[in-house]
Amino acid sequence: MSRLVVTLIVVVVLVVGGLFVLSGMAHEKPPVRVEKAVPLANLSN
């Protein structure tokens, strides 16, 4: 095989492998409730 074909195959394998690695890292975190005290003066506006 020519050097160009080997280089293209290596690049494609690296890109596909990188996509699998990045897709494995993407994990959504569940939303966290944050309760905050609100003074009554702010509610009257």
N, C-alpha and C. Protein backbone atom coordinates (compact mmCIF):
# COMPACT_ATOMS: atom_id res chain seq x y z
N MET A 1 0.85 -1.19 0.00
CA MET A 1 0.00 0.00 0.00
C MET A 1 0.89 1.24 0.00
N SER A 2 0.35 2.28 -0.55
CA SER A 2 1.14 3.51 -0.59
C SER A 2 1.11 4.19 0.78
N ARG A 3 2.03 5.07 0.96
CA ARG A 3 2.16 5.77 2.24
C ARG A 3 0.93 6.63 2.50
N LEU A 4 0.34 7.20 1.45
CA LEU A 4 -0.85 8.05 1.60
C LEU A 4 -2.04 7.24 2.14
N VAL A 5 -2.24 6.05 1.63
CA VAL A 5 -3.36 5.22 2.07
C VAL A 5 -3.17 4.82 3.53
N VAL A 6 -1.97 4.45 3.91
CA VAL A 6 -1.70 4.07 5.30
C VAL A 6 -1.93 5.27 6.22
N THR A 7 -1.49 6.44 5.80
CA THR A 7 -1.68 7.64 6.62
C THR A 7 -3.17 7.95 6.78
N LEU A 8 -3.94 7.83 5.70
CA LEU A 8 -5.38 8.10 5.80
C LEU A 8 -6.07 7.09 6.71
N ILE A 9 -5.68 5.83 6.65
CA ILE A 9 -6.28 4.82 7.52
C ILE A 9 -5.96 5.11 8.98
N VAL A 10 -4.73 5.50 9.26
CA VAL A 10 -4.34 5.82 10.64
C VAL A 10 -5.13 7.02 11.14
N VAL A 11 -5.29 8.04 10.32
CA VAL A 11 -6.05 9.23 10.73
C VAL A 11 -7.51 8.87 10.99
N VAL A 12 -8.11 8.07 10.14
CA VAL A 12 -9.51 7.68 10.34
C VAL A 12 -9.66 6.86 11.62
N VAL A 13 -8.74 5.96 11.88
CA VAL A 13 -8.81 5.15 13.10
C VAL A 13 -8.67 6.04 14.33
N LEU A 14 -7.77 7.02 14.29
CA LEU A 14 -7.60 7.92 15.43
C LEU A 14 -8.84 8.77 15.67
N VAL A 15 -9.45 9.25 14.59
CA VAL A 15 -10.66 10.08 14.74
C VAL A 15 -11.81 9.26 15.31
N VAL A 16 -12.00 8.06 14.80
CA VAL A 16 -13.09 7.20 15.31
C VAL A 16 -12.82 6.82 16.76
N GLY A 17 -11.58 6.50 17.09
CA GLY A 17 -11.25 6.19 18.48
C GLY A 17 -11.46 7.38 19.40
N GLY A 18 -11.11 8.55 18.93
CA GLY A 18 -11.34 9.77 19.72
C GLY A 18 -12.81 10.03 19.96
N LEU A 19 -13.63 9.76 18.94
CA LEU A 19 -15.07 9.94 19.11
C LEU A 19 -15.64 8.98 20.15
N PHE A 20 -15.16 7.75 20.15
CA PHE A 20 -15.63 6.80 21.17
C PHE A 20 -15.21 7.23 22.57
N VAL A 21 -13.99 7.74 22.69
CA VAL A 21 -13.51 8.19 24.01
C VAL A 21 -14.33 9.37 24.49
N LEU A 22 -14.56 10.33 23.60
CA LEU A 22 -15.33 11.51 24.00
C LEU A 22 -16.78 11.16 24.31
N SER A 23 -17.38 10.24 23.58
CA SER A 23 -18.76 9.86 23.86
C SER A 23 -18.86 9.12 25.19
N GLY A 24 -17.81 8.42 25.57
CA GLY A 24 -17.83 7.73 26.86
C GLY A 24 -17.69 8.68 28.03
N MET A 25 -17.10 9.85 27.80
CA MET A 25 -16.91 10.83 28.88
C MET A 25 -18.17 11.65 29.14
N ALA A 26 -19.05 11.75 28.16
CA ALA A 26 -20.21 12.63 28.28
C ALA A 26 -21.28 11.96 29.14
N HIS A 27 -21.37 12.36 30.38
CA HIS A 27 -22.40 11.86 31.29
C HIS A 27 -23.12 13.07 31.87
N GLU A 28 -24.44 13.06 31.72
CA GLU A 28 -25.21 14.16 32.27
C GLU A 28 -25.41 13.95 33.77
N LYS A 29 -25.28 15.04 34.50
CA LYS A 29 -25.52 14.98 35.93
C LYS A 29 -26.98 15.30 36.20
N PRO A 30 -27.60 14.59 37.12
CA PRO A 30 -29.01 14.91 37.43
C PRO A 30 -29.09 16.29 38.10
N PRO A 31 -30.18 17.00 37.84
CA PRO A 31 -30.32 18.33 38.45
C PRO A 31 -30.38 18.25 39.97
N VAL A 32 -29.79 19.24 40.62
CA VAL A 32 -29.76 19.29 42.08
C VAL A 32 -30.62 20.45 42.53
N ARG A 33 -31.52 20.18 43.46
CA ARG A 33 -32.38 21.25 43.99
C ARG A 33 -31.61 22.07 45.00
N VAL A 34 -31.68 23.36 44.85
CA VAL A 34 -31.05 24.27 45.80
C VAL A 34 -32.15 25.11 46.41
N GLU A 35 -32.34 24.95 47.69
CA GLU A 35 -33.38 25.73 48.37
C GLU A 35 -32.72 26.94 49.01
N LYS A 36 -33.35 28.09 48.80
CA LYS A 36 -32.79 29.33 49.28
C LYS A 36 -33.88 30.11 50.00
N ALA A 37 -33.54 30.66 51.15
CA ALA A 37 -34.50 31.46 51.91
C ALA A 37 -34.72 32.79 51.21
N VAL A 38 -36.00 33.12 50.98
CA VAL A 38 -36.34 34.37 50.31
C VAL A 38 -37.08 35.24 51.32
N PRO A 39 -36.55 36.44 51.60
CA PRO A 39 -37.26 37.32 52.54
C PRO A 39 -38.61 37.75 51.98
N LEU A 40 -39.57 37.97 52.87
CA LEU A 40 -40.91 38.35 52.43
C LEU A 40 -40.92 39.73 51.76
N ALA A 41 -39.97 40.58 52.07
CA ALA A 41 -39.93 41.91 51.47
C ALA A 41 -39.70 41.82 49.96
N ASN A 42 -38.96 40.82 49.52
CA ASN A 42 -38.71 40.67 48.08
C ASN A 42 -39.95 40.18 47.33
N LEU A 43 -40.85 39.50 48.02
CA LEU A 43 -42.04 38.97 47.36
C LEU A 43 -43.10 40.04 47.14
N SER A 44 -43.09 41.11 47.91
CA SER A 44 -44.13 42.13 47.80
C SER A 44 -43.91 43.07 46.62
N ASN A 45 -42.76 43.02 45.97
CA ASN A 45 -42.50 43.94 44.83
C ASN A 45 -43.24 43.54 43.61
